[in-house]
Amino acid sequence: MKPRYVLLLFLCLTLTACRETEPTPPPDLRGQWRQVIGEDSEPEYYHLARITKDYIEIYYYYTADGSTNLYWYGSFVPPEDGKEPYTWTSENKLPKNISPRAFRYASRDEKKDFTYKKEQLSYMIAPSQALRMNVTLERAPEEVEIVGDVPNPELLEP
């Protein structure tokens, strides 16, 4: 092989190695999330979520009085890398014998799939057997106090 071809080959390999990028770190999804709502609408309620180290809680937040009702309380599995979309299946962590009166709006589904993509979190709800809707959340611009019946993880675990 001629020396100039060796030099050219060496340069190509060097430049290719430089193009490799560091992997994207995983996003930290912990914190409060709020349903994306059109700018010109003022809903009676919207979904408000809180993600902690191990759990995701979703509430109906009523704008009139700031009260909340639990919709989902399940497991949270944080992403291991920055690849998107990131999906996980959350397992319902409310006990089977929970009082329907205390958590009357809570989903009784055993599992719920969540997707994180482009700084938004989404999932499906089924308010009736004939209707399925996609709900999209984004980080809440400010913390909203969650009042009402809130599960205590220490009491729920067997």
N, C-alpha and C. Protein backbone atom coordinates (compact mmCIF):
# COMPACT_ATOMS: atom_id res chain seq x y z
N MET A 1 0.85 -1.16 0.00
CA MET A 1 0.00 0.00 0.00
C MET A 1 0.90 1.23 0.00
N LYS A 2 0.55 2.22 -0.78
CA LYS A 2 1.35 3.42 -0.88
C LYS A 2 1.18 4.25 0.39
N PRO A 3 2.23 4.97 0.80
CA PRO A 3 2.19 5.73 2.04
C PRO A 3 1.07 6.76 2.08
N ARG A 4 0.76 7.38 0.96
CA ARG A 4 -0.28 8.41 1.03
C ARG A 4 -1.66 7.78 1.24
N TYR A 5 -1.85 6.53 0.75
CA TYR A 5 -3.12 5.84 1.00
C TYR A 5 -3.24 5.43 2.47
N VAL A 6 -2.13 5.06 3.03
CA VAL A 6 -2.12 4.71 4.46
C VAL A 6 -2.49 5.95 5.28
N LEU A 7 -1.90 7.10 4.92
CA LEU A 7 -2.20 8.34 5.62
C LEU A 7 -3.67 8.71 5.45
N LEU A 8 -4.21 8.56 4.25
CA LEU A 8 -5.61 8.86 3.98
C LEU A 8 -6.53 7.94 4.79
N LEU A 9 -6.21 6.66 4.84
CA LEU A 9 -6.98 5.69 5.61
C LEU A 9 -6.95 6.06 7.09
N PHE A 10 -5.78 6.41 7.58
CA PHE A 10 -5.63 6.81 8.99
C PHE A 10 -6.49 8.04 9.30
N LEU A 11 -6.48 9.03 8.44
CA LEU A 11 -7.29 10.24 8.64
C LEU A 11 -8.78 9.92 8.65
N CYS A 12 -9.23 9.07 7.75
CA CYS A 12 -10.65 8.69 7.70
C CYS A 12 -11.07 8.00 9.00
N LEU A 13 -10.25 7.07 9.47
CA LEU A 13 -10.58 6.36 10.71
C LEU A 13 -10.59 7.30 11.90
N THR A 14 -9.66 8.24 11.93
CA THR A 14 -9.59 9.20 13.03
C THR A 14 -10.82 10.10 13.05
N LEU A 15 -11.21 10.60 11.90
CA LEU A 15 -12.38 11.48 11.83
C LEU A 15 -13.65 10.75 12.18
N THR A 16 -13.77 9.51 11.78
CA THR A 16 -14.95 8.72 12.11
C THR A 16 -15.06 8.50 13.61
N ALA A 17 -13.96 8.23 14.27
CA ALA A 17 -13.97 8.01 15.72
C ALA A 17 -14.36 9.27 16.46
N CYS A 18 -14.01 10.44 15.93
CA CYS A 18 -14.34 11.70 16.59
C CYS A 18 -15.84 12.01 16.53
N ARG A 19 -16.53 11.46 15.57
CA ARG A 19 -17.95 11.74 15.43
C ARG A 19 -18.81 11.01 16.45
N GLU A 20 -18.28 10.02 17.10
CA GLU A 20 -19.06 9.31 18.11
C GLU A 20 -19.40 10.27 19.24
N THR A 21 -20.64 10.24 19.69
CA THR A 21 -21.07 11.14 20.74
C THR A 21 -21.33 10.37 22.02
N GLU A 22 -21.30 11.10 23.09
CA GLU A 22 -21.61 10.52 24.39
C GLU A 22 -23.09 10.14 24.42
N PRO A 23 -23.45 9.05 25.09
CA PRO A 23 -24.87 8.71 25.19
C PRO A 23 -25.63 9.78 25.98
N THR A 24 -26.86 10.00 25.60
CA THR A 24 -27.70 10.98 26.28
C THR A 24 -28.06 10.45 27.67
N PRO A 25 -27.88 11.25 28.71
CA PRO A 25 -28.24 10.78 30.05
C PRO A 25 -29.75 10.61 30.18
N PRO A 26 -30.19 9.73 31.07
CA PRO A 26 -31.64 9.53 31.23
C PRO A 26 -32.28 10.77 31.83
N PRO A 27 -33.51 11.08 31.41
CA PRO A 27 -34.21 12.23 32.00
C PRO A 27 -34.69 11.89 33.41
N ASP A 28 -34.73 12.89 34.25
CA ASP A 28 -35.28 12.72 35.59
C ASP A 28 -36.75 13.11 35.52
N LEU A 29 -37.63 12.13 35.59
CA LEU A 29 -39.07 12.38 35.43
C LEU A 29 -39.77 12.70 36.75
N ARG A 30 -39.03 12.66 37.85
CA ARG A 30 -39.65 12.93 39.15
C ARG A 30 -40.12 14.38 39.21
N GLY A 31 -41.22 14.58 39.90
CA GLY A 31 -41.78 15.92 40.07
C GLY A 31 -43.23 15.95 39.67
N GLN A 32 -43.74 17.15 39.50
CA GLN A 32 -45.17 17.31 39.20
C GLN A 32 -45.38 17.58 37.71
N TRP A 33 -46.45 17.01 37.17
CA TRP A 33 -46.81 17.12 35.75
C TRP A 33 -48.26 17.59 35.66
N ARG A 34 -48.55 18.35 34.60
CA ARG A 34 -49.90 18.89 34.42
C ARG A 34 -50.38 18.58 33.01
N GLN A 35 -51.67 18.28 32.89
CA GLN A 35 -52.26 17.98 31.58
C GLN A 35 -52.12 19.17 30.64
N VAL A 36 -51.77 18.89 29.40
CA VAL A 36 -51.68 19.93 28.38
C VAL A 36 -53.10 20.31 28.00
N ILE A 37 -53.39 21.61 28.12
CA ILE A 37 -54.73 22.13 27.86
C ILE A 37 -54.62 23.26 26.85
N GLY A 38 -55.57 23.35 25.96
CA GLY A 38 -55.58 24.44 24.98
C GLY A 38 -55.59 25.79 25.67
N GLU A 39 -54.92 26.77 25.07
CA GLU A 39 -54.80 28.09 25.69
C GLU A 39 -56.13 28.80 25.87
N ASP A 40 -57.09 28.54 25.01
CA ASP A 40 -58.36 29.26 25.10
C ASP A 40 -59.45 28.47 25.81
N SER A 41 -59.07 27.42 26.52
CA SER A 41 -60.09 26.66 27.26
C SER A 41 -59.79 26.70 28.75
N GLU A 42 -60.85 26.75 29.53
CA GLU A 42 -60.74 26.72 30.99
C GLU A 42 -61.55 25.53 31.48
N PRO A 43 -60.90 24.38 31.60
CA PRO A 43 -61.64 23.18 31.97
C PRO A 43 -62.07 23.19 33.43
N GLU A 44 -63.08 22.38 33.70
CA GLU A 44 -63.54 22.21 35.08
C GLU A 44 -62.51 21.44 35.89
N TYR A 45 -61.81 20.53 35.22
CA TYR A 45 -60.77 19.73 35.87
C TYR A 45 -59.73 19.33 34.83
N TYR A 46 -58.58 18.92 35.32
CA TYR A 46 -57.54 18.37 34.46
C TYR A 46 -56.73 17.36 35.27
N HIS A 47 -55.90 16.58 34.59
CA HIS A 47 -55.07 15.60 35.28
C HIS A 47 -53.80 16.28 35.79
N LEU A 48 -53.45 15.97 37.00
CA LEU A 48 -52.25 16.45 37.65
C LEU A 48 -51.53 15.20 38.17
N ALA A 49 -50.25 15.06 37.83
CA ALA A 49 -49.51 13.87 38.23
C ALA A 49 -48.30 14.24 39.07
N ARG A 50 -47.92 13.29 39.91
CA ARG A 50 -46.70 13.45 40.71
C ARG A 50 -45.93 12.14 40.58
N ILE A 51 -44.66 12.27 40.20
CA ILE A 51 -43.79 11.10 40.09
C ILE A 51 -42.73 11.19 41.17
N THR A 52 -42.61 10.11 41.95
CA THR A 52 -41.58 10.02 42.98
C THR A 52 -40.60 8.93 42.54
N LYS A 53 -39.74 8.55 43.43
CA LYS A 53 -38.71 7.55 43.11
C LYS A 53 -39.32 6.24 42.60
N ASP A 54 -40.41 5.79 43.22
CA ASP A 54 -40.99 4.48 42.90
C ASP A 54 -42.44 4.51 42.43
N TYR A 55 -43.10 5.66 42.52
CA TYR A 55 -44.54 5.71 42.24
C TYR A 55 -44.91 6.83 41.29
N ILE A 56 -46.03 6.62 40.59
CA ILE A 56 -46.67 7.69 39.83
C ILE A 56 -48.10 7.80 40.34
N GLU A 57 -48.48 9.01 40.70
CA GLU A 57 -49.84 9.29 41.18
C GLU A 57 -50.46 10.25 40.18
N ILE A 58 -51.70 10.00 39.79
CA ILE A 58 -52.42 10.90 38.90
C ILE A 58 -53.74 11.26 39.58
N TYR A 59 -54.06 12.55 39.57
CA TYR A 59 -55.26 13.05 40.21
C TYR A 59 -56.09 13.86 39.23
N TYR A 60 -57.39 13.87 39.46
CA TYR A 60 -58.26 14.86 38.84
C TYR A 60 -58.11 16.10 39.71
N TYR A 61 -57.74 17.23 39.11
CA TYR A 61 -57.61 18.48 39.84
C TYR A 61 -58.76 19.38 39.41
N TYR A 62 -59.59 19.76 40.37
CA TYR A 62 -60.77 20.58 40.08
C TYR A 62 -60.43 22.05 40.24
N THR A 63 -60.58 22.80 39.16
CA THR A 63 -60.14 24.19 39.14
C THR A 63 -61.00 25.10 40.03
N ALA A 64 -62.25 24.77 40.24
CA ALA A 64 -63.14 25.63 41.03
C ALA A 64 -62.67 25.78 42.47
N ASP A 65 -62.28 24.66 43.09
CA ASP A 65 -61.92 24.73 44.50
C ASP A 65 -60.54 24.15 44.83
N GLY A 66 -59.82 23.66 43.83
CA GLY A 66 -58.48 23.12 44.07
C GLY A 66 -58.47 21.75 44.72
N SER A 67 -59.62 21.09 44.75
CA SER A 67 -59.66 19.75 45.34
C SER A 67 -59.16 18.72 44.32
N THR A 68 -58.83 17.55 44.82
CA THR A 68 -58.31 16.49 43.97
C THR A 68 -59.01 15.17 44.28
N ASN A 69 -59.04 14.31 43.27
CA ASN A 69 -59.49 12.93 43.44
C ASN A 69 -58.48 12.03 42.74
N LEU A 70 -58.10 10.98 43.40
CA LEU A 70 -57.10 10.06 42.85
C LEU A 70 -57.65 9.33 41.63
N TYR A 71 -56.85 9.28 40.57
CA TYR A 71 -57.19 8.49 39.38
C TYR A 71 -56.29 7.27 39.27
N TRP A 72 -54.98 7.41 39.48
CA TRP A 72 -54.04 6.29 39.33
C TRP A 72 -52.97 6.37 40.40
N TYR A 73 -52.65 5.22 40.97
CA TYR A 73 -51.54 5.11 41.91
C TYR A 73 -50.81 3.83 41.55
N GLY A 74 -49.64 3.97 40.92
CA GLY A 74 -48.95 2.77 40.44
C GLY A 74 -47.44 2.91 40.50
N SER A 75 -46.79 1.85 40.07
CA SER A 75 -45.33 1.80 40.09
C SER A 75 -44.73 2.71 39.03
N PHE A 76 -43.53 3.17 39.30
CA PHE A 76 -42.77 3.98 38.36
C PHE A 76 -41.40 3.34 38.17
N VAL A 77 -41.00 3.17 36.92
CA VAL A 77 -39.71 2.60 36.58
C VAL A 77 -38.93 3.68 35.82
N PRO A 78 -37.90 4.27 36.44
CA PRO A 78 -37.18 5.35 35.76
C PRO A 78 -36.38 4.85 34.55
N PRO A 79 -36.20 5.72 33.56
CA PRO A 79 -35.43 5.31 32.39
C PRO A 79 -33.96 5.09 32.74
N GLU A 80 -33.33 4.15 32.03
CA GLU A 80 -31.91 3.86 32.26
C GLU A 80 -31.01 4.63 31.30
N ASP A 81 -31.57 5.14 30.21
CA ASP A 81 -30.79 5.91 29.26
C ASP A 81 -31.66 7.03 28.69
N GLY A 82 -31.13 7.79 27.78
CA GLY A 82 -31.86 8.93 27.23
C GLY A 82 -32.59 8.65 25.94
N LYS A 83 -32.72 7.36 25.57
CA LYS A 83 -33.41 7.03 24.32
C LYS A 83 -34.90 7.33 24.44
N GLU A 84 -35.45 7.90 23.36
CA GLU A 84 -36.88 8.20 23.31
C GLU A 84 -37.50 7.53 22.11
N PRO A 85 -38.74 7.15 22.18
CA PRO A 85 -39.61 7.30 23.34
C PRO A 85 -39.26 6.29 24.43
N TYR A 86 -39.51 6.68 25.67
CA TYR A 86 -39.32 5.79 26.80
C TYR A 86 -40.70 5.33 27.25
N THR A 87 -40.91 4.04 27.36
CA THR A 87 -42.20 3.52 27.81
C THR A 87 -42.00 2.59 29.00
N TRP A 88 -42.98 2.56 29.87
CA TRP A 88 -42.99 1.60 30.96
C TRP A 88 -44.43 1.25 31.28
N THR A 89 -44.60 0.09 31.86
CA THR A 89 -45.91 -0.37 32.30
C THR A 89 -45.97 -0.22 33.81
N SER A 90 -46.91 0.58 34.26
CA SER A 90 -47.10 0.82 35.68
C SER A 90 -48.12 -0.17 36.21
N GLU A 91 -47.80 -0.79 37.32
CA GLU A 91 -48.72 -1.73 37.98
C GLU A 91 -49.50 -0.99 39.05
N ASN A 92 -50.81 -1.19 39.07
CA ASN A 92 -51.67 -0.56 40.06
C ASN A 92 -51.25 -1.01 41.45
N LYS A 93 -51.00 -0.06 42.34
CA LYS A 93 -50.53 -0.37 43.69
C LYS A 93 -51.58 -0.14 44.77
N LEU A 94 -52.81 0.20 44.36
CA LEU A 94 -53.87 0.30 45.36
C LEU A 94 -54.30 -1.11 45.75
N PRO A 95 -54.52 -1.36 47.02
CA PRO A 95 -54.95 -2.69 47.43
C PRO A 95 -56.32 -3.02 46.84
N LYS A 96 -56.57 -4.30 46.60
CA LYS A 96 -57.84 -4.74 46.01
C LYS A 96 -59.03 -4.44 46.92
N ASN A 97 -58.80 -4.39 48.22
CA ASN A 97 -59.91 -4.19 49.16
C ASN A 97 -60.08 -2.73 49.57
N ILE A 98 -59.55 -1.82 48.78
CA ILE A 98 -59.66 -0.40 49.13
C ILE A 98 -61.12 0.05 49.05
N SER A 99 -61.46 0.97 49.87
CA SER A 99 -62.83 1.47 49.92
C SER A 99 -63.17 2.21 48.63
N PRO A 100 -64.20 1.76 47.90
CA PRO A 100 -64.60 2.47 46.68
C PRO A 100 -65.03 3.91 46.98
N ARG A 101 -65.56 4.15 48.15
CA ARG A 101 -65.98 5.50 48.51
C ARG A 101 -64.79 6.43 48.67
N ALA A 102 -63.73 5.92 49.29
CA ALA A 102 -62.54 6.75 49.51
C ALA A 102 -61.85 7.10 48.21
N PHE A 103 -61.82 6.15 47.28
CA PHE A 103 -61.11 6.38 46.02
C PHE A 103 -62.04 6.05 44.85
N ARG A 104 -63.19 6.71 44.83
CA ARG A 104 -64.24 6.37 43.86
C ARG A 104 -63.86 6.68 42.42
N TYR A 105 -62.92 7.59 42.19
CA TYR A 105 -62.53 7.93 40.82
C TYR A 105 -61.26 7.19 40.38
N ALA A 106 -60.71 6.38 41.26
CA ALA A 106 -59.47 5.67 40.94
C ALA A 106 -59.70 4.57 39.91
N SER A 107 -58.76 4.46 39.01
CA SER A 107 -58.81 3.40 38.00
C SER A 107 -58.62 2.05 38.67
N ARG A 108 -59.39 1.09 38.23
CA ARG A 108 -59.26 -0.28 38.75
C ARG A 108 -58.44 -1.15 37.80
N ASP A 109 -57.89 -0.55 36.72
CA ASP A 109 -57.05 -1.31 35.80
C ASP A 109 -55.86 -1.88 36.56
N GLU A 110 -55.44 -3.08 36.18
CA GLU A 110 -54.28 -3.68 36.83
C GLU A 110 -52.98 -3.03 36.39
N LYS A 111 -52.94 -2.59 35.11
CA LYS A 111 -51.72 -1.99 34.56
C LYS A 111 -52.09 -0.82 33.66
N LYS A 112 -51.13 0.09 33.49
CA LYS A 112 -51.31 1.22 32.60
C LYS A 112 -49.96 1.51 31.95
N ASP A 113 -49.99 1.72 30.62
CA ASP A 113 -48.77 2.01 29.87
C ASP A 113 -48.57 3.52 29.77
N PHE A 114 -47.32 3.94 30.01
CA PHE A 114 -46.93 5.35 29.93
C PHE A 114 -45.82 5.51 28.91
N THR A 115 -45.82 6.67 28.24
CA THR A 115 -44.77 6.99 27.27
C THR A 115 -44.25 8.39 27.55
N TYR A 116 -42.92 8.51 27.57
CA TYR A 116 -42.26 9.82 27.69
C TYR A 116 -41.55 10.09 26.38
N LYS A 117 -41.88 11.24 25.77
CA LYS A 117 -41.26 11.61 24.50
C LYS A 117 -41.31 13.13 24.36
N LYS A 118 -40.21 13.71 23.98
CA LYS A 118 -40.12 15.16 23.74
C LYS A 118 -40.66 15.97 24.91
N GLU A 119 -40.23 15.60 26.11
CA GLU A 119 -40.59 16.30 27.34
C GLU A 119 -42.08 16.26 27.68
N GLN A 120 -42.78 15.25 27.14
CA GLN A 120 -44.19 15.06 27.47
C GLN A 120 -44.43 13.62 27.89
N LEU A 121 -45.38 13.45 28.77
CA LEU A 121 -45.78 12.15 29.28
C LEU A 121 -47.19 11.87 28.79
N SER A 122 -47.46 10.66 28.28
CA SER A 122 -48.81 10.37 27.80
C SER A 122 -49.25 8.98 28.22
N TYR A 123 -50.57 8.80 28.26
CA TYR A 123 -51.20 7.53 28.63
C TYR A 123 -52.65 7.57 28.16
N MET A 124 -53.27 6.40 28.12
CA MET A 124 -54.67 6.29 27.69
C MET A 124 -55.57 6.17 28.92
N ILE A 125 -56.75 6.80 28.81
CA ILE A 125 -57.79 6.60 29.82
C ILE A 125 -59.04 6.13 29.09
N ALA A 126 -59.91 5.46 29.81
CA ALA A 126 -61.17 4.99 29.24
C ALA A 126 -62.29 5.41 30.18
N PRO A 127 -62.81 6.64 30.01
CA PRO A 127 -63.88 7.10 30.88
C PRO A 127 -65.15 6.27 30.78
N SER A 128 -65.31 5.58 29.65
CA SER A 128 -66.43 4.65 29.50
C SER A 128 -65.95 3.50 28.61
N GLN A 129 -66.73 2.46 28.52
CA GLN A 129 -66.32 1.32 27.71
C GLN A 129 -66.24 1.69 26.23
N ALA A 130 -66.99 2.68 25.81
CA ALA A 130 -67.01 3.06 24.40
C ALA A 130 -66.02 4.17 24.05
N LEU A 131 -65.39 4.77 25.05
CA LEU A 131 -64.53 5.92 24.79
C LEU A 131 -63.14 5.72 25.38
N ARG A 132 -62.14 5.90 24.54
CA ARG A 132 -60.74 5.86 24.99
C ARG A 132 -60.11 7.19 24.58
N MET A 133 -59.34 7.77 25.47
CA MET A 133 -58.71 9.06 25.20
C MET A 133 -57.24 9.03 25.60
N ASN A 134 -56.43 9.74 24.83
CA ASN A 134 -55.02 9.90 25.15
C ASN A 134 -54.88 11.18 25.97
N VAL A 135 -54.17 11.10 27.08
CA VAL A 135 -53.91 12.25 27.92
C VAL A 135 -52.43 12.57 27.83
N THR A 136 -52.11 13.84 27.63
CA THR A 136 -50.72 14.28 27.53
C THR A 136 -50.43 15.27 28.65
N LEU A 137 -49.30 15.06 29.33
CA LEU A 137 -48.88 15.93 30.42
C LEU A 137 -47.52 16.54 30.09
N GLU A 138 -47.27 17.70 30.68
CA GLU A 138 -45.95 18.31 30.61
C GLU A 138 -45.60 18.75 32.03
N ARG A 139 -44.34 19.08 32.23
CA ARG A 139 -43.94 19.50 33.58
C ARG A 139 -44.78 20.67 34.03
N ALA A 140 -45.23 20.62 35.27
CA ALA A 140 -46.04 21.70 35.82
C ALA A 140 -45.17 22.93 36.00
N PRO A 141 -45.66 24.10 35.56
CA PRO A 141 -44.86 25.31 35.71
C PRO A 141 -44.63 25.69 37.17
N GLU A 142 -45.53 25.24 38.03
CA GLU A 142 -45.38 25.48 39.47
C GLU A 142 -46.07 24.34 40.21
N GLU A 143 -45.61 24.09 41.43
CA GLU A 143 -46.18 23.03 42.25
C GLU A 143 -47.60 23.39 42.66
N VAL A 144 -48.49 22.43 42.58
CA VAL A 144 -49.87 22.59 43.03
C VAL A 144 -50.07 21.66 44.22
N GLU A 145 -50.65 22.15 45.28
CA GLU A 145 -50.87 21.32 46.46
C GLU A 145 -51.94 20.27 46.15
N ILE A 146 -51.64 19.04 46.48
CA ILE A 146 -52.60 17.95 46.29
C ILE A 146 -53.27 17.71 47.63
N VAL A 147 -54.59 17.94 47.67
CA VAL A 147 -55.35 17.78 48.91
C VAL A 147 -56.40 16.70 48.71
N GLY A 148 -56.82 16.11 49.79
CA GLY A 148 -57.83 15.07 49.71
C GLY A 148 -57.23 13.72 50.06
N ASP A 149 -57.88 12.65 49.62
CA ASP A 149 -57.41 11.30 49.92
C ASP A 149 -56.17 10.99 49.09
N VAL A 150 -55.03 10.90 49.76
CA VAL A 150 -53.77 10.60 49.11
C VAL A 150 -53.23 9.32 49.72
N PRO A 151 -52.88 8.32 48.89
CA PRO A 151 -52.38 7.06 49.44
C PRO A 151 -51.06 7.24 50.17
N ASN A 152 -50.85 6.43 51.17
CA ASN A 152 -49.58 6.39 51.89
C ASN A 152 -48.88 5.10 51.50
N PRO A 153 -47.74 5.17 50.75
CA PRO A 153 -47.09 3.96 50.24
C PRO A 153 -46.73 2.95 51.33
N GLU A 154 -46.33 3.44 52.51
CA GLU A 154 -45.94 2.52 53.58
C GLU A 154 -47.12 1.66 54.03
N LEU A 155 -48.34 2.22 53.97
CA LEU A 155 -49.52 1.48 54.41
C LEU A 155 -50.04 0.54 53.33
N LEU A 156 -49.69 0.81 52.07
CA LEU A 156 -50.24 0.01 50.97
C LEU A 156 -49.43 -1.24 50.67
N GLU A 157 -48.15 -1.21 50.95
CA GLU A 157 -47.30 -2.36 50.65
C GLU A 157 -47.59 -3.50 51.61
N PRO A 158 -47.63 -4.75 51.12
CA PRO A 158 -47.89 -5.88 52.02
C PRO A 158 -46.76 -6.13 52.99
